[in-house]
Amino acid sequence: WHDLIDVNAGRIATGEATIEEVGWEIFRLILEVA
């Protein structure tokens, strides 16, 4: 669903990103969307 999902947190499971990195991504996206 590449054109329905806004943030991919699945990268945490495979070690490509940390919880903190995706958390900051979500935080910044909230401000952009708002």
Full PDB file with SEQRES, HELIX, SHEET, SSBOND, CRYST1, ORIGX, SCALE, CONECT and MASTER records, all heavy atoms in Angstrom:
SEQRES   1 A   34  TRP HIS ASP LEU ILE ASP VAL ASN ALA GLY ARG ILE ALA          
SEQRES   2 A   34  THR GLY GLU ALA THR ILE GLU GLU VAL GLY TRP GLU ILE          
SEQRES   3 A   34  PHE ARG LEU ILE LEU GLU VAL ALA                              
HELIX    1 AA1 ALA A    9  ILE A   12  5                                   4    
HELIX    2 AA2 ILE A   19  VAL A   33  1                                  15    
CRYST1    1.000    1.000    1.000  90.00  90.00  90.00 P 1           1          
ORIGX1      1.000000  0.000000  0.000000        0.00000                         
ORIGX2      0.000000  1.000000  0.000000        0.00000                         
ORIGX3      0.000000  0.000000  1.000000        0.00000                         
SCALE1      1.000000  0.000000  0.000000        0.00000                         
SCALE2      0.000000  1.000000  0.000000        0.00000                         
SCALE3      0.000000  0.000000  1.000000        0.00000                         
ATOM      1  N   TRP A   1       0.842  -1.204   0.000  1.00  0.00           N  
ATOM      2  CA  TRP A   1       0.000   0.000   0.000  1.00  0.00           C  
ATOM      3  C   TRP A   1       0.873   1.248   0.000  1.00  0.00           C  
ATOM      4  O   TRP A   1       0.745   2.107   0.860  1.00  0.00           O  
ATOM      5  CB  TRP A   1      -0.920  -0.022   1.222  1.00  0.00           C  
ATOM      6  CG  TRP A   1      -2.106  -0.928   1.064  1.00  0.00           C  
ATOM      7  CD1 TRP A   1      -2.279  -1.909   0.129  1.00  0.00           C  
ATOM      8  CD2 TRP A   1      -3.291  -0.929   1.873  1.00  0.00           C  
ATOM      9  NE1 TRP A   1      -3.497  -2.529   0.296  1.00  0.00           N  
ATOM     10  CE2 TRP A   1      -4.138  -1.947   1.360  1.00  0.00           C  
ATOM     11  CE3 TRP A   1      -3.705  -0.184   2.958  1.00  0.00           C  
ATOM     12  CZ2 TRP A   1      -5.382  -2.213   1.915  1.00  0.00           C  
ATOM     13  CZ3 TRP A   1      -4.960  -0.463   3.515  1.00  0.00           C  
ATOM     14  CH2 TRP A   1      -5.778  -1.465   2.993  1.00  0.00           C  
ATOM     15  N   HIS A   2       1.738   1.338  -0.977  1.00  0.00           N  
ATOM     16  CA  HIS A   2       2.707   2.431  -1.031  1.00  0.00           C  
ATOM     17  C   HIS A   2       2.052   3.793  -1.177  1.00  0.00           C  
ATOM     18  O   HIS A   2       2.668   4.820  -0.846  1.00  0.00           O  
ATOM     19  CB  HIS A   2       3.680   2.196  -2.196  1.00  0.00           C  
ATOM     20  CG  HIS A   2       2.982   2.073  -3.526  1.00  0.00           C  
ATOM     21  ND1 HIS A   2       2.731   3.140  -4.340  1.00  0.00           N  
ATOM     22  CD2 HIS A   2       2.450   0.986  -4.150  1.00  0.00           C  
ATOM     23  CE1 HIS A   2       2.085   2.741  -5.422  1.00  0.00           C  
ATOM     24  NE2 HIS A   2       1.899   1.430  -5.336  1.00  0.00           N  
ATOM     25  N   ASP A   3       0.809   3.840  -1.681  1.00  0.00           N  
ATOM     26  CA  ASP A   3       0.129   5.108  -1.855  1.00  0.00           C  
ATOM     27  C   ASP A   3      -1.045   5.282  -0.874  1.00  0.00           C  
ATOM     28  O   ASP A   3      -1.990   6.007  -1.121  1.00  0.00           O  
ATOM     29  CB  ASP A   3      -0.371   5.273  -3.294  1.00  0.00           C  
ATOM     30  CG  ASP A   3      -1.181   4.085  -3.795  1.00  0.00           C  
ATOM     31  OD1 ASP A   3      -1.403   3.133  -3.012  1.00  0.00           O  
ATOM     32  OD2 ASP A   3      -1.592   4.110  -4.963  1.00  0.00           O  
ATOM     33  N   LEU A   4      -0.941   4.573   0.271  1.00  0.00           N  
ATOM     34  CA  LEU A   4      -1.911   4.738   1.350  1.00  0.00           C  
ATOM     35  C   LEU A   4      -1.239   4.890   2.714  1.00  0.00           C  
ATOM     36  O   LEU A   4      -1.826   5.462   3.635  1.00  0.00           O  
ATOM     37  CB  LEU A   4      -2.873   3.538   1.407  1.00  0.00           C  
ATOM     38  CG  LEU A   4      -3.928   3.457   0.299  1.00  0.00           C  
ATOM     39  CD1 LEU A   4      -4.625   2.106   0.329  1.00  0.00           C  
ATOM     40  CD2 LEU A   4      -4.942   4.576   0.436  1.00  0.00           C  
ATOM     41  N   ILE A   5      -0.025   4.365   2.856  1.00  0.00           N  
ATOM     42  CA  ILE A   5       0.711   4.419   4.123  1.00  0.00           C  
ATOM     43  C   ILE A   5       1.633   5.632   4.126  1.00  0.00           C  
ATOM     44  O   ILE A   5       2.383   5.858   3.175  1.00  0.00           O  
ATOM     45  CB  ILE A   5       1.533   3.131   4.335  1.00  0.00           C  
ATOM     46  CG1 ILE A   5       0.597   1.913   4.421  1.00  0.00           C  
ATOM     47  CG2 ILE A   5       2.404   3.246   5.582  1.00  0.00           C  
ATOM     48  CD1 ILE A   5      -0.368   1.925   5.584  1.00  0.00           C  
ATOM     49  N   ASP A   6       1.584   6.412   5.199  1.00  0.00           N  
ATOM     50  CA  ASP A   6       2.379   7.643   5.293  1.00  0.00           C  
ATOM     51  C   ASP A   6       3.729   7.431   5.962  1.00  0.00           C  
ATOM     52  O   ASP A   6       4.701   8.098   5.624  1.00  0.00           O  
ATOM     53  CB  ASP A   6       1.590   8.713   6.067  1.00  0.00           C  
ATOM     54  CG  ASP A   6       0.259   9.017   5.415  1.00  0.00           C  
ATOM     55  OD1 ASP A   6       0.276   9.551   4.284  1.00  0.00           O  
ATOM     56  OD2 ASP A   6      -0.797   8.713   6.008  1.00  0.00           O  
ATOM     57  N   VAL A   7       3.787   6.531   6.944  1.00  0.00           N  
ATOM     58  CA  VAL A   7       5.036   6.267   7.666  1.00  0.00           C  
ATOM     59  C   VAL A   7       5.194   4.755   7.805  1.00  0.00           C  
ATOM     60  O   VAL A   7       4.264   4.058   8.209  1.00  0.00           O  
ATOM     61  CB  VAL A   7       5.026   6.911   9.072  1.00  0.00           C  
ATOM     62  CG1 VAL A   7       6.313   6.566   9.823  1.00  0.00           C  
ATOM     63  CG2 VAL A   7       4.860   8.420   8.974  1.00  0.00           C  
ATOM     64  N   ASN A   8       6.387   4.254   7.495  1.00  0.00           N  
ATOM     65  CA  ASN A   8       6.668   2.829   7.613  1.00  0.00           C  
ATOM     66  C   ASN A   8       7.447   2.566   8.891  1.00  0.00           C  
ATOM     67  O   ASN A   8       8.645   2.821   8.969  1.00  0.00           O  
ATOM     68  CB  ASN A   8       7.471   2.339   6.404  1.00  0.00           C  
ATOM     69  CG  ASN A   8       7.847   0.869   6.529  1.00  0.00           C  
ATOM     70  OD1 ASN A   8       7.233   0.122   7.278  1.00  0.00           O  
ATOM     71  ND2 ASN A   8       8.884   0.455   5.794  1.00  0.00           N  
ATOM     72  N   ALA A   9       6.753   2.037   9.904  1.00  0.00           N  
ATOM     73  CA  ALA A   9       7.437   1.662  11.144  1.00  0.00           C  
ATOM     74  C   ALA A   9       7.956   0.235  11.087  1.00  0.00           C  
ATOM     75  O   ALA A   9       8.631  -0.213  12.015  1.00  0.00           O  
ATOM     76  CB  ALA A   9       6.490   1.824  12.332  1.00  0.00           C  
ATOM     77  N   GLY A  10       7.663  -0.483  10.001  1.00  0.00           N  
ATOM     78  CA  GLY A  10       8.161  -1.841   9.860  1.00  0.00           C  
ATOM     79  C   GLY A  10       9.676  -1.915   9.838  1.00  0.00           C  
ATOM     80  O   GLY A  10      10.258  -2.963  10.133  1.00  0.00           O  
ATOM     81  N   ARG A  11      10.316  -0.796   9.502  1.00  0.00           N  
ATOM     82  CA  ARG A  11      11.788  -0.754   9.489  1.00  0.00           C  
ATOM     83  C   ARG A  11      12.381  -1.037  10.865  1.00  0.00           C  
ATOM     84  O   ARG A  11      13.542  -1.447  10.982  1.00  0.00           O  
ATOM     85  CB  ARG A  11      12.248   0.622   9.007  1.00  0.00           C  
ATOM     86  CG  ARG A  11      11.874   0.956   7.566  1.00  0.00           C  
ATOM     87  CD  ARG A  11      12.161   2.406   7.247  1.00  0.00           C  
ATOM     88  NE  ARG A  11      11.269   3.297   7.988  1.00  0.00           N  
ATOM     89  CZ  ARG A  11      11.586   4.533   8.354  1.00  0.00           C  
ATOM     90  NH1 ARG A  11      12.786   5.013   8.083  1.00  0.00           N  
ATOM     91  NH2 ARG A  11      10.720   5.266   9.013  1.00  0.00           N  
ATOM     92  N   ILE A  12      11.591  -0.832  11.915  1.00  0.00           N  
ATOM     93  CA  ILE A  12      12.078  -1.109  13.271  1.00  0.00           C  
ATOM     94  C   ILE A  12      12.305  -2.603  13.451  1.00  0.00           C  
ATOM     95  O   ILE A  12      13.305  -3.035  14.046  1.00  0.00           O  
ATOM     96  CB  ILE A  12      11.071  -0.567  14.314  1.00  0.00           C  
ATOM     97  CG1 ILE A  12      10.975   0.955  14.222  1.00  0.00           C  
ATOM     98  CG2 ILE A  12      11.462  -0.991  15.728  1.00  0.00           C  
ATOM     99  CD1 ILE A  12       9.814   1.553  14.997  1.00  0.00           C  
ATOM    100  N   ALA A  13      11.401  -3.424  12.919  1.00  0.00           N  
ATOM    101  CA  ALA A  13      11.506  -4.879  13.083  1.00  0.00           C  
ATOM    102  C   ALA A  13      12.733  -5.441  12.391  1.00  0.00           C  
ATOM    103  O   ALA A  13      13.320  -6.429  12.857  1.00  0.00           O  
ATOM    104  CB  ALA A  13      10.248  -5.554  12.553  1.00  0.00           C  
ATOM    105  N   THR A  14      13.131  -4.855  11.269  1.00  0.00           N  
ATOM    106  CA  THR A  14      14.272  -5.372  10.516  1.00  0.00           C  
ATOM    107  C   THR A  14      15.571  -4.653  10.847  1.00  0.00           C  
ATOM    108  O   THR A  14      16.603  -4.920  10.229  1.00  0.00           O  
ATOM    109  CB  THR A  14      13.998  -5.249   9.006  1.00  0.00           C  
ATOM    110  OG1 THR A  14      13.623  -3.905   8.695  1.00  0.00           O  
ATOM    111  CG2 THR A  14      12.874  -6.181   8.589  1.00  0.00           C  
ATOM    112  N   GLY A  15      15.529  -3.732  11.806  1.00  0.00           N  
ATOM    113  CA  GLY A  15      16.745  -3.061  12.233  1.00  0.00           C  
ATOM    114  C   GLY A  15      17.190  -1.929  11.337  1.00  0.00           C  
ATOM    115  O   GLY A  15      18.294  -1.403  11.490  1.00  0.00           O  
ATOM    116  N   GLU A  16      16.344  -1.506  10.400  1.00  0.00           N  
ATOM    117  CA  GLU A  16      16.705  -0.403   9.507  1.00  0.00           C  
ATOM    118  C   GLU A  16      16.500   0.963  10.151  1.00  0.00           C  
ATOM    119  O   GLU A  16      16.997   1.971   9.654  1.00  0.00           O  
ATOM    120  CB  GLU A  16      15.872  -0.494   8.228  1.00  0.00           C  
ATOM    121  CG  GLU A  16      16.068  -1.781   7.453  1.00  0.00           C  
ATOM    122  CD  GLU A  16      14.964  -1.993   6.432  1.00  0.00           C  
ATOM    123  OE1 GLU A  16      15.066  -1.396   5.339  1.00  0.00           O  
ATOM    124  OE2 GLU A  16      14.016  -2.743   6.724  1.00  0.00           O  
ATOM    125  N   ALA A  17      15.727   1.016  11.234  1.00  0.00           N  
ATOM    126  CA  ALA A  17      15.486   2.267  11.945  1.00  0.00           C  
ATOM    127  C   ALA A  17      15.180   1.935  13.398  1.00  0.00           C  
ATOM    128  O   ALA A  17      14.789   0.802  13.724  1.00  0.00           O  
ATOM    129  CB  ALA A  17      14.316   3.043  11.320  1.00  0.00           C  
ATOM    130  N   THR A  18      15.344   2.905  14.264  1.00  0.00           N  
ATOM    131  CA  THR A  18      15.030   2.718  15.673  1.00  0.00           C  
ATOM    132  C   THR A  18      13.651   3.294  15.986  1.00  0.00           C  
ATOM    133  O   THR A  18      13.093   4.075  15.201  1.00  0.00           O  
ATOM    134  CB  THR A  18      16.069   3.413  16.565  1.00  0.00           C  
ATOM    135  OG1 THR A  18      15.986   4.838  16.356  1.00  0.00           O  
ATOM    136  CG2 THR A  18      17.479   2.939  16.254  1.00  0.00           C  
ATOM    137  N   ILE A  19      13.130   2.918  17.132  1.00  0.00           N  
ATOM    138  CA  ILE A  19      11.859   3.486  17.597  1.00  0.00           C  
ATOM    139  C   ILE A  19      11.965   5.003  17.681  1.00  0.00           C  
ATOM    140  O   ILE A  19      11.055   5.738  17.267  1.00  0.00           O  
ATOM    141  CB  ILE A  19      11.470   2.882  18.963  1.00  0.00           C  
ATOM    142  CG1 ILE A  19      11.077   1.423  18.795  1.00  0.00           C  
ATOM    143  CG2 ILE A  19      10.356   3.688  19.626  1.00  0.00           C  
ATOM    144  CD1 ILE A  19      10.908   0.670  20.103  1.00  0.00           C  
ATOM    145  N   GLU A  20      13.077   5.488  18.189  1.00  0.00           N  
ATOM    146  CA  GLU A  20      13.274   6.934  18.338  1.00  0.00           C  
ATOM    147  C   GLU A  20      13.280   7.641  16.993  1.00  0.00           C  
ATOM    148  O   GLU A  20      12.662   8.707  16.841  1.00  0.00           O  
ATOM    149  CB  GLU A  20      14.589   7.213  19.091  1.00  0.00           C  
ATOM    150  CG  GLU A  20      14.589   6.775  20.547  1.00  0.00           C  
ATOM    151  CD  GLU A  20      14.857   5.283  20.723  1.00  0.00           C  
ATOM    152  OE1 GLU A  20      15.096   4.573  19.704  1.00  0.00           O  
ATOM    153  OE2 GLU A  20      14.810   4.813  21.878  1.00  0.00           O  
ATOM    154  N   GLU A  21      13.960   7.058  16.007  1.00  0.00           N  
ATOM    155  CA  GLU A  21      14.023   7.691  14.686  1.00  0.00           C  
ATOM    156  C   GLU A  21      12.644   7.778  14.043  1.00  0.00           C  
ATOM    157  O   GLU A  21      12.268   8.824  13.491  1.00  0.00           O  
ATOM    158  CB  GLU A  21      14.989   6.898  13.783  1.00  0.00           C  
ATOM    159  CG  GLU A  21      16.448   7.077  14.157  1.00  0.00           C  
ATOM    160  CD  GLU A  21      17.363   6.085  13.463  1.00  0.00           C  
ATOM    161  OE1 GLU A  21      16.852   5.094  12.880  1.00  0.00           O  
ATOM    162  OE2 GLU A  21      18.591   6.283  13.512  1.00  0.00           O  
ATOM    163  N   VAL A  22      11.868   6.698  14.118  1.00  0.00           N  
ATOM    164  CA  VAL A  22      10.528   6.731  13.533  1.00  0.00           C  
ATOM    165  C   VAL A  22       9.618   7.643  14.352  1.00  0.00           C  
ATOM    166  O   VAL A  22       8.762   8.337  13.797  1.00  0.00           O  
ATOM    167  CB  VAL A  22       9.954   5.311  13.420  1.00  0.00           C  
ATOM    168  CG1 VAL A  22       8.544   5.345  12.829  1.00  0.00           C  
ATOM    169  CG2 VAL A  22      10.852   4.429  12.550  1.00  0.00           C  
ATOM    170  N   GLY A  23       9.808   7.684  15.669  1.00  0.00           N  
ATOM    171  CA  GLY A  23       9.026   8.590  16.504  1.00  0.00           C  
ATOM    172  C   GLY A  23       9.236  10.050  16.127  1.00  0.00           C  
ATOM    173  O   GLY A  23       8.271  10.822  16.018  1.00  0.00           O  
ATOM    174  N   TRP A  24      10.480  10.424  15.904  1.00  0.00           N  
ATOM    175  CA  TRP A  24      10.757  11.804  15.451  1.00  0.00           C  
ATOM    176  C   TRP A  24      10.159  12.060  14.066  1.00  0.00           C  
ATOM    177  O   TRP A  24       9.656  13.150  13.787  1.00  0.00           O  
ATOM    178  CB  TRP A  24      12.263  12.054  15.420  1.00  0.00           C  
ATOM    179  CG  TRP A  24      12.828  12.542  16.730  1.00  0.00           C  
ATOM    180  CD1 TRP A  24      13.579  11.837  17.617  1.00  0.00           C  
ATOM    181  CD2 TRP A  24      12.664  13.850  17.284  1.00  0.00           C  
ATOM    182  NE1 TRP A  24      13.901  12.621  18.700  1.00  0.00           N  
ATOM    183  CE2 TRP A  24      13.368  13.857  18.523  1.00  0.00           C  
ATOM    184  CE3 TRP A  24      12.008  15.008  16.874  1.00  0.00           C  
ATOM    185  CZ2 TRP A  24      13.415  14.992  19.333  1.00  0.00           C  
ATOM    186  CZ3 TRP A  24      12.054  16.134  17.682  1.00  0.00           C  
ATOM    187  CH2 TRP A  24      12.743  16.124  18.889  1.00  0.00           C  
ATOM    188  N   GLU A  25      10.212  11.060  13.196  1.00  0.00           N  
ATOM    189  CA  GLU A  25       9.619  11.207  11.860  1.00  0.00           C  
ATOM    190  C   GLU A  25       8.123  11.494  11.963  1.00  0.00           C  
ATOM    191  O   GLU A  25       7.586  12.375  11.265  1.00  0.00           O  
ATOM    192  CB  GLU A  25       9.866   9.933  11.047  1.00  0.00           C  
ATOM    193  CG  GLU A  25       9.322   9.976   9.635  1.00  0.00           C  
ATOM    194  CD  GLU A  25       9.558   8.680   8.870  1.00  0.00           C  
ATOM    195  OE1 GLU A  25      10.339   7.827   9.351  1.00  0.00           O  
ATOM    196  OE2 GLU A  25       8.936   8.502   7.799  1.00  0.00           O  
ATOM    197  N   ILE A  26       7.438  10.756  12.842  1.00  0.00           N  
ATOM    198  CA  ILE A  26       6.007  10.971  13.036  1.00  0.00           C  
ATOM    199  C   ILE A  26       5.750  12.352  13.619  1.00  0.00           C  
ATOM    200  O   ILE A  26       4.838  13.071  13.173  1.00  0.00           O  
ATOM    201  CB  ILE A  26       5.423   9.868  13.941  1.00  0.00           C  
ATOM    202  CG1 ILE A  26       5.495   8.516  13.238  1.00  0.00           C  
ATOM    203  CG2 ILE A  26       3.979  10.187  14.340  1.00  0.00           C  
ATOM    204  CD1 ILE A  26       5.237   7.324  14.147  1.00  0.00           C  
ATOM    205  N   PHE A  27       6.522  12.744  14.613  1.00  0.00           N  
ATOM    206  CA  PHE A  27       6.363  14.064  15.241  1.00  0.00           C  
ATOM    207  C   PHE A  27       6.503  15.184  14.212  1.00  0.00           C  
ATOM    208  O   PHE A  27       5.653  16.086  14.139  1.00  0.00           O  
ATOM    209  CB  PHE A  27       7.415  14.220  16.344  1.00  0.00           C  
ATOM    210  CG  PHE A  27       7.467  15.581  16.975  1.00  0.00           C  
ATOM    211  CD1 PHE A  27       6.524  15.972  17.915  1.00  0.00           C  
ATOM    212  CD2 PHE A  27       8.471  16.486  16.635  1.00  0.00           C  
ATOM    213  CE1 PHE A  27       6.575  17.235  18.508  1.00  0.00           C  
ATOM    214  CE2 PHE A  27       8.532  17.740  17.216  1.00  0.00           C  
ATOM    215  CZ  PHE A  27       7.580  18.114  18.159  1.00  0.00           C  
ATOM    216  N   ARG A  28       7.530  15.120  13.408  1.00  0.00           N  
ATOM    217  CA  ARG A  28       7.747  16.169  12.401  1.00  0.00           C  
ATOM    218  C   ARG A  28       6.656  16.157  11.341  1.00  0.00           C  
ATOM    219  O   ARG A  28       6.216  17.217  10.871  1.00  0.00           O  
ATOM    220  CB  ARG A  28       9.128  15.997  11.765  1.00  0.00           C  
ATOM    221  CG  ARG A  28      10.284  16.252  12.739  1.00  0.00           C  
ATOM    222  CD  ARG A  28      11.631  16.282  12.014  1.00  0.00           C  
ATOM    223  NE  ARG A  28      12.712  16.590  12.935  1.00  0.00           N  
ATOM    224  CZ  ARG A  28      13.538  15.680  13.473  1.00  0.00           C  
ATOM    225  NH1 ARG A  28      13.387  14.393  13.164  1.00  0.00           N  
ATOM    226  NH2 ARG A  28      14.493  16.039  14.300  1.00  0.00           N  
ATOM    227  N   LEU A  29       6.183  14.963  10.966  1.00  0.00           N  
ATOM    228  CA  LEU A  29       5.112  14.871   9.966  1.00  0.00           C  
ATOM    229  C   LEU A  29       3.817  15.472  10.519  1.00  0.00           C  
ATOM    230  O   LEU A  29       3.074  16.135   9.786  1.00  0.00           O  
ATOM    231  CB  LEU A  29       4.902  13.416   9.549  1.00  0.00           C  
ATOM    232  CG  LEU A  29       3.811  13.173   8.491  1.00  0.00           C  
ATOM    233  CD1 LEU A  29       4.077  13.975   7.224  1.00  0.00           C  
ATOM    234  CD2 LEU A  29       3.703  11.685   8.174  1.00  0.00           C  
ATOM    235  N   ILE A  30       3.540  15.262  11.791  1.00  0.00           N  
ATOM    236  CA  ILE A  30       2.345  15.862  12.407  1.00  0.00           C  
ATOM    237  C   ILE A  30       2.380  17.376  12.240  1.00  0.00           C  
ATOM    238  O   ILE A  30       1.368  17.994  11.872  1.00  0.00           O  
ATOM    239  CB  ILE A  30       2.259  15.484  13.907  1.00  0.00           C  
ATOM    240  CG1 ILE A  30       1.891  14.009  14.067  1.00  0.00           C  
ATOM    241  CG2 ILE A  30       1.233  16.369  14.630  1.00  0.00           C  
ATOM    242  CD1 ILE A  30       2.025  13.494  15.488  1.00  0.00           C  
ATOM    243  N   LEU A  31       3.518  17.987  12.484  1.00  0.00           N  
ATOM    244  CA  LEU A  31       3.622  19.452  12.368  1.00  0.00           C  
ATOM    245  C   LEU A  31       3.469  19.902  10.915  1.00  0.00           C  
ATOM    246  O   LEU A  31       2.852  20.944  10.651  1.00  0.00           O  
ATOM    247  CB  LEU A  31       4.957  19.928  12.945  1.00  0.00           C  
ATOM    248  CG  LEU A  31       5.216  19.603  14.420  1.00  0.00           C  
ATOM    249  CD1 LEU A  31       6.472  20.316  14.907  1.00  0.00           C  
ATOM    250  CD2 LEU A  31       4.027  19.976  15.293  1.00  0.00           C  
ATOM    251  N   GLU A  32       4.019  19.132   9.980  1.00  0.00           N  
ATOM    252  CA  GLU A  32       3.859  19.472   8.563  1.00  0.00           C  
ATOM    253  C   GLU A  32       2.398  19.370   8.129  1.00  0.00           C  
ATOM    254  O   GLU A  32       1.883  20.228   7.410  1.00  0.00           O  
ATOM    255  CB  GLU A  32       4.727  18.544   7.705  1.00  0.00           C  
ATOM    256  CG  GLU A  32       6.222  18.799   7.827  1.00  0.00           C  
ATOM    257  CD  GLU A  32       6.594  20.177   7.318  1.00  0.00           C  
ATOM    258  OE1 GLU A  32       6.389  20.452   6.123  1.00  0.00           O  
ATOM    259  OE2 GLU A  32       7.082  20.988   8.139  1.00  0.00           O  
ATOM    260  N   VAL A  33       1.738  18.310   8.564  1.00  0.00           N  
ATOM    261  CA  VAL A  33       0.331  18.101   8.209  1.00  0.00           C  
ATOM    262  C   VAL A  33      -0.544  19.155   8.878  1.00  0.00           C  
ATOM    263  O   VAL A  33      -1.452  19.731   8.249  1.00  0.00           O  
ATOM    264  CB  VAL A  33      -0.108  16.683   8.599  1.00  0.00           C  
ATOM    265  CG1 VAL A  33      -1.620  16.532   8.513  1.00  0.00           C  
ATOM    266  CG2 VAL A  33       0.576  15.655   7.703  1.00  0.00           C  
ATOM    267  N   ALA A  34      -0.294  19.444  10.149  1.00  0.00           N  
ATOM    268  CA  ALA A  34      -1.075  20.455  10.867  1.00  0.00           C  
ATOM    269  C   ALA A  34      -0.926  21.824  10.219  1.00  0.00           C  
ATOM    270  O   ALA A  34      -1.855  22.643  10.246  1.00  0.00           O  
ATOM    271  CB  ALA A  34      -0.639  20.514  12.330  1.00  0.00           C  
TER     272      ALA A  34                                                      
MASTER        0    0    0    2    0    0    0    6  271    1    0    3          
END                                                                             
